[in-house]
Amino acid sequence: MLYQIGFSFQWQAVPQMLLGYKEILGMMFLGYALHWIPRSFKDEVANFLGAMPDLAKAFAISIILLIIFQVQTSKIVPFIYFDF
């Protein structure tokens, strides 16, 4: 099995994987990118969100939840080791 991982890697499957998981990889990239934003900018955003009216906060949270539900997969993905 280690030989197959190390020496029989199928590079033609990489574009297919990237297209199949583009939403998930995009969310992961966004999460990693948030780590590099300066703290001062994060503090300004936190102050802005804290000063928002409650109705606007509820609307923002509902939009975020809608995006998360759109990104999640609707079908059950089979366990990869069942393919061997």
C-alpha atoms as a PDB file:
ATOM      1  CA  MET A   1       0.000   0.000   0.000  1.00  0.00           C
ATOM      2  CA  LEU A   2       2.840   2.418   0.751  1.00  0.00           C
ATOM      3  CA  TYR A   3       4.280   1.677  -2.667  1.00  0.00           C
ATOM      4  CA  GLN A   4       0.982   2.631  -4.281  1.00  0.00           C
ATOM      5  CA  ILE A   5       0.821   5.911  -2.331  1.00  0.00           C
ATOM      6  CA  GLY A   6       4.433   6.815  -3.058  1.00  0.00           C
ATOM      7  CA  PHE A   7       5.004   5.601  -6.594  1.00  0.00           C
ATOM      8  CA  SER A   8       1.639   5.005  -8.288  1.00  0.00           C
ATOM      9  CA  PHE A   9       0.103   8.410  -7.678  1.00  0.00           C
ATOM     10  CA  GLN A  10      -2.335   9.327 -10.444  1.00  0.00           C
ATOM     11  CA  TRP A  11      -1.797  13.005 -11.226  1.00  0.00           C
ATOM     12  CA  GLN A  12      -4.700  13.067 -13.689  1.00  0.00           C
ATOM     13  CA  ALA A  13      -7.095  12.669 -10.727  1.00  0.00           C
ATOM     14  CA  VAL A  14      -5.990  15.975  -9.129  1.00  0.00           C
ATOM     15  CA  PRO A  15      -8.065  18.302 -11.373  1.00  0.00           C
ATOM     16  CA  GLN A  16     -11.101  16.077 -10.876  1.00  0.00           C
ATOM     17  CA  MET A  17     -10.647  16.235  -7.098  1.00  0.00           C
ATOM     18  CA  LEU A  18     -10.206  20.020  -7.170  1.00  0.00           C
ATOM     19  CA  LEU A  19     -13.386  20.475  -9.206  1.00  0.00           C
ATOM     20  CA  GLY A  20     -15.342  18.052  -7.052  1.00  0.00           C
ATOM     21  CA  TYR A  21     -14.407  19.764  -3.797  1.00  0.00           C
ATOM     22  CA  LYS A  22     -14.089  23.379  -4.985  1.00  0.00           C
ATOM     23  CA  GLU A  23     -16.527  24.774  -2.393  1.00  0.00           C
ATOM     24  CA  ILE A  24     -14.897  22.935   0.485  1.00  0.00           C
ATOM     25  CA  LEU A  25     -11.390  23.882  -0.632  1.00  0.00           C
ATOM     26  CA  GLY A  26     -12.518  27.493  -1.061  1.00  0.00           C
ATOM     27  CA  MET A  27     -13.826  27.594   2.507  1.00  0.00           C
ATOM     28  CA  MET A  28     -10.588  26.040   3.757  1.00  0.00           C
ATOM     29  CA  PHE A  29      -8.555  28.630   1.840  1.00  0.00           C
ATOM     30  CA  LEU A  30     -10.702  31.415   3.301  1.00  0.00           C
ATOM     31  CA  GLY A  31     -10.100  30.042   6.788  1.00  0.00           C
ATOM     32  CA  TYR A  32      -6.348  29.902   6.254  1.00  0.00           C
ATOM     33  CA  ALA A  33      -6.339  33.399   4.734  1.00  0.00           C
ATOM     34  CA  LEU A  34      -8.112  34.822   7.786  1.00  0.00           C
ATOM     35  CA  HIS A  35      -5.059  33.914   9.858  1.00  0.00           C
ATOM     36  CA  TRP A  36      -2.918  36.371   7.880  1.00  0.00           C
ATOM     37  CA  ILE A  37      -5.227  39.376   8.256  1.00  0.00           C
ATOM     38  CA  PRO A  38      -3.751  41.963  10.649  1.00  0.00           C
ATOM     39  CA  ARG A  39      -5.194  41.999  14.162  1.00  0.00           C
ATOM     40  CA  SER A  40      -6.133  45.668  13.868  1.00  0.00           C
ATOM     41  CA  PHE A  41      -8.430  44.880  10.940  1.00  0.00           C
ATOM     42  CA  LYS A  42     -10.004  41.998  12.857  1.00  0.00           C
ATOM     43  CA  ASP A  43     -10.608  44.326  15.818  1.00  0.00           C
ATOM     44  CA  GLU A  44     -12.276  46.915  13.559  1.00  0.00           C
ATOM     45  CA  VAL A  45     -14.572  44.258  12.091  1.00  0.00           C
ATOM     46  CA  ALA A  46     -15.442  42.977  15.584  1.00  0.00           C
ATOM     47  CA  ASN A  47     -16.288  46.515  16.735  1.00  0.00           C
ATOM     48  CA  PHE A  48     -18.417  47.073  13.618  1.00  0.00           C
ATOM     49  CA  LEU A  49     -20.310  43.818  14.112  1.00  0.00           C
ATOM     50  CA  GLY A  50     -20.805  44.576  17.802  1.00  0.00           C
ATOM     51  CA  ALA A  51     -22.329  47.968  16.997  1.00  0.00           C
ATOM     52  CA  MET A  52     -24.819  46.545  14.480  1.00  0.00           C
ATOM     53  CA  PRO A  53     -28.517  46.491  15.417  1.00  0.00           C
ATOM     54  CA  ASP A  54     -29.911  43.108  16.447  1.00  0.00           C
ATOM     55  CA  LEU A  55     -32.015  42.796  13.295  1.00  0.00           C
ATOM     56  CA  ALA A  56     -28.944  43.331  11.106  1.00  0.00           C
ATOM     57  CA  LYS A  57     -27.017  40.729  13.134  1.00  0.00           C
ATOM     58  CA  ALA A  58     -29.842  38.223  12.630  1.00  0.00           C
ATOM     59  CA  PHE A  59     -29.812  38.913   8.884  1.00  0.00           C
ATOM     60  CA  ALA A  60     -26.009  38.508   8.703  1.00  0.00           C
ATOM     61  CA  ILE A  61     -26.146  35.224  10.621  1.00  0.00           C
ATOM     62  CA  SER A  62     -28.888  33.900   8.353  1.00  0.00           C
ATOM     63  CA  ILE A  63     -26.808  34.743   5.264  1.00  0.00           C
ATOM     64  CA  ILE A  64     -23.789  32.968   6.755  1.00  0.00           C
ATOM     65  CA  LEU A  65     -25.892  29.901   7.578  1.00  0.00           C
ATOM     66  CA  LEU A  66     -27.309  29.887   4.052  1.00  0.00           C
ATOM     67  CA  ILE A  67     -23.768  29.868   2.628  1.00  0.00           C
ATOM     68  CA  ILE A  68     -22.734  27.030   4.945  1.00  0.00           C
ATOM     69  CA  PHE A  69     -25.762  24.938   3.980  1.00  0.00           C
ATOM     70  CA  GLN A  70     -24.992  25.498   0.300  1.00  0.00           C
ATOM     71  CA  VAL A  71     -21.405  24.301   0.762  1.00  0.00           C
ATOM     72  CA  GLN A  72     -22.233  21.105   2.626  1.00  0.00           C
ATOM     73  CA  THR A  73     -22.642  18.006   0.537  1.00  0.00           C
ATOM     74  CA  SER A  74     -26.144  16.673   0.041  1.00  0.00           C
ATOM     75  CA  LYS A  75     -25.163  13.082  -0.631  1.00  0.00           C
ATOM     76  CA  ILE A  76     -23.256  10.673   1.556  1.00  0.00           C
ATOM     77  CA  VAL A  77     -19.728  10.216   0.257  1.00  0.00           C
ATOM     78  CA  PRO A  78     -18.620   6.576   0.423  1.00  0.00           C
ATOM     79  CA  PHE A  79     -15.636   5.702   2.532  1.00  0.00           C
ATOM     80  CA  ILE A  80     -12.579   5.736   0.254  1.00  0.00           C
ATOM     81  CA  TYR A  81     -11.190   2.390   1.418  1.00  0.00           C
ATOM     82  CA  PHE A  82     -14.259   0.546   0.122  1.00  0.00           C
ATOM     83  CA  ASP A  83     -12.853   1.143  -3.382  1.00  0.00           C
ATOM     84  CA  PHE A  84      -9.827  -1.100  -2.875  1.00  0.00           C
END
